Amino acid sequence: MKDFPLSDTCKKAINDYLKETQLVYGTLFPSRKGGKAISRVQAYRILNDAARHIGITDAIGTHTLRKTFGYHAYQSGCDITRIQRLLNHSAPSITLSYIGITKDELDAVYIAKSLKF
């Protein structure tokens, strides 16, 4: 299991959620069966239902969120080796492939930057 730091905004949202739901089981997202955390499959269903509710028809799951995080971190200028470490990949090339960055996209950046010289 990997630990992640939480922003102050995230901590506030969790605290508000805990106050509103008055959870007593010690699990952030308990199942209806009492106490245990929801399963990966149930998380997938919840995310897909939420996506459908706002008009997204593609399959959305927890893995989608992980990939999307990596993609947006890369697009915002985060160094690929840092993203690689966050995602626990063995090489930057694996991370680029995982987040959907193709060789054509990388070549386009190189060409665009070299035209400015």
Protein backbone atom coordinates (compact mmCIF):
# COMPACT_ATOMS: atom_id res chain seq x y z
CA MET A 1 0.00 0.00 0.00
CA LYS A 2 1.22 3.50 -0.80
CA ASP A 3 0.72 6.57 1.38
CA PHE A 4 -0.22 9.86 -0.23
CA PRO A 5 -0.16 13.34 1.26
CA LEU A 6 -3.50 15.12 1.38
CA SER A 7 -3.99 18.80 0.64
CA ASP A 8 -5.75 21.03 3.15
CA THR A 9 -8.74 21.17 0.77
CA CYS A 10 -8.91 17.38 0.68
CA LYS A 11 -8.60 17.11 4.46
CA LYS A 12 -11.44 19.60 4.90
CA ALA A 13 -13.64 17.70 2.43
CA ILE A 14 -12.99 14.42 4.29
CA ASN A 15 -13.73 16.02 7.66
CA ASP A 16 -16.97 17.52 6.30
CA TYR A 17 -17.92 14.12 4.87
CA LEU A 18 -17.21 12.39 8.18
CA LYS A 19 -19.33 14.93 10.08
CA GLU A 20 -22.19 14.62 7.60
CA THR A 21 -22.21 10.82 7.44
CA GLN A 22 -21.38 10.26 11.13
CA LEU A 23 -19.38 7.15 10.25
CA VAL A 24 -18.76 4.80 13.13
CA TYR A 25 -16.91 1.92 11.43
CA GLY A 26 -13.54 3.58 10.79
CA THR A 27 -13.83 3.03 7.03
CA LEU A 28 -14.13 6.05 4.77
CA PHE A 29 -16.41 4.27 2.28
CA PRO A 30 -18.15 1.42 4.12
CA SER A 31 -20.26 -1.15 2.33
CA ARG A 32 -23.94 -1.52 3.12
CA LYS A 33 -23.10 -4.85 4.72
CA GLY A 34 -21.59 -3.02 7.65
CA GLY A 35 -18.08 -2.03 8.53
CA LYS A 36 -16.08 -3.39 5.61
CA ALA A 37 -14.86 -1.04 2.91
CA ILE A 38 -16.60 -1.10 -0.45
CA SER A 39 -15.00 -3.40 -3.00
CA ARG A 40 -13.05 -2.33 -6.06
CA VAL A 41 -16.03 -3.46 -8.16
CA GLN A 42 -18.44 -1.33 -6.13
CA ALA A 43 -16.12 1.69 -6.46
CA TYR A 44 -16.13 1.09 -10.24
CA ARG A 45 -19.95 1.01 -10.27
CA ILE A 46 -20.22 4.21 -8.24
CA LEU A 47 -17.76 6.05 -10.48
CA ASN A 48 -19.54 4.84 -13.63
CA ASP A 49 -22.94 5.85 -12.28
CA ALA A 50 -21.58 9.32 -11.46
CA ALA A 51 -20.02 9.58 -14.94
CA ARG A 52 -23.31 8.60 -16.62
CA HIS A 53 -25.12 11.15 -14.49
CA ILE A 54 -23.03 13.95 -16.01
CA GLY A 55 -23.10 12.56 -19.54
CA ILE A 56 -19.84 10.62 -19.76
CA THR A 57 -20.49 7.36 -21.58
CA ASP A 58 -16.96 5.89 -21.47
CA ALA A 59 -16.13 3.34 -18.79
CA ILE A 60 -14.65 5.15 -15.79
CA GLY A 61 -12.98 3.35 -12.91
CA THR A 62 -10.40 3.84 -10.23
CA HIS A 63 -7.66 2.92 -12.69
CA THR A 64 -8.95 5.63 -15.06
CA LEU A 65 -8.50 8.18 -12.29
CA ARG A 66 -4.92 6.99 -11.72
CA LYS A 67 -4.07 7.32 -15.42
CA THR A 68 -5.81 10.70 -15.66
CA PHE A 69 -3.81 11.98 -12.69
CA GLY A 70 -0.56 10.96 -14.41
CA TYR A 71 -1.63 12.46 -17.73
CA HIS A 72 -2.58 15.83 -16.23
CA ALA A 73 0.56 15.93 -14.10
CA TYR A 74 2.61 15.40 -17.27
CA GLN A 75 0.62 17.97 -19.26
CA SER A 76 1.11 20.56 -16.51
CA GLY A 77 4.89 20.16 -16.76
CA CYS A 78 5.69 17.65 -14.02
CA ASP A 79 8.87 15.75 -14.78
CA ILE A 80 8.10 12.28 -16.16
CA THR A 81 10.55 10.60 -13.79
CA ARG A 82 8.61 11.98 -10.82
CA ILE A 83 5.35 10.70 -12.26
CA GLN A 84 7.08 7.37 -12.91
CA ARG A 85 8.00 7.11 -9.22
CA LEU A 86 4.51 8.15 -8.07
CA LEU A 87 2.95 5.45 -10.24
CA ASN A 88 5.64 2.93 -9.27
CA HIS A 89 6.74 2.23 -12.85
CA SER A 90 10.15 0.84 -13.72
CA ALA A 91 10.92 3.26 -16.58
CA PRO A 92 9.75 6.63 -17.95
CA SER A 93 8.81 4.95 -21.25
CA ILE A 94 6.33 2.74 -19.40
CA THR A 95 4.81 5.78 -17.73
CA LEU A 96 4.48 7.64 -21.04
CA SER A 97 2.76 4.65 -22.62
CA TYR A 98 0.54 4.17 -19.56
CA ILE A 99 -0.73 7.75 -19.62
CA GLY A 100 -1.29 7.64 -23.37
CA ILE A 101 1.54 9.84 -24.60
CA THR A 102 2.54 8.53 -28.01
CA LYS A 103 5.82 8.84 -29.91
CA ASP A 104 4.00 11.03 -32.47
CA GLU A 105 3.05 13.47 -29.71
CA LEU A 106 6.62 13.59 -28.43
CA ASP A 107 7.95 14.06 -31.97
CA ALA A 108 5.51 16.94 -32.51
CA VAL A 109 6.89 18.71 -29.43
CA TYR A 110 10.43 18.26 -30.69
CA ILE A 111 9.56 19.61 -34.15
CA ALA A 112 7.59 22.55 -32.76
CA LYS A 113 10.42 23.54 -30.43
CA SER A 114 13.14 23.10 -33.06
CA LEU A 115 11.27 25.36 -35.53
CA LYS A 116 11.75 28.27 -33.11
CA PHE A 117 15.54 28.17 -33.51
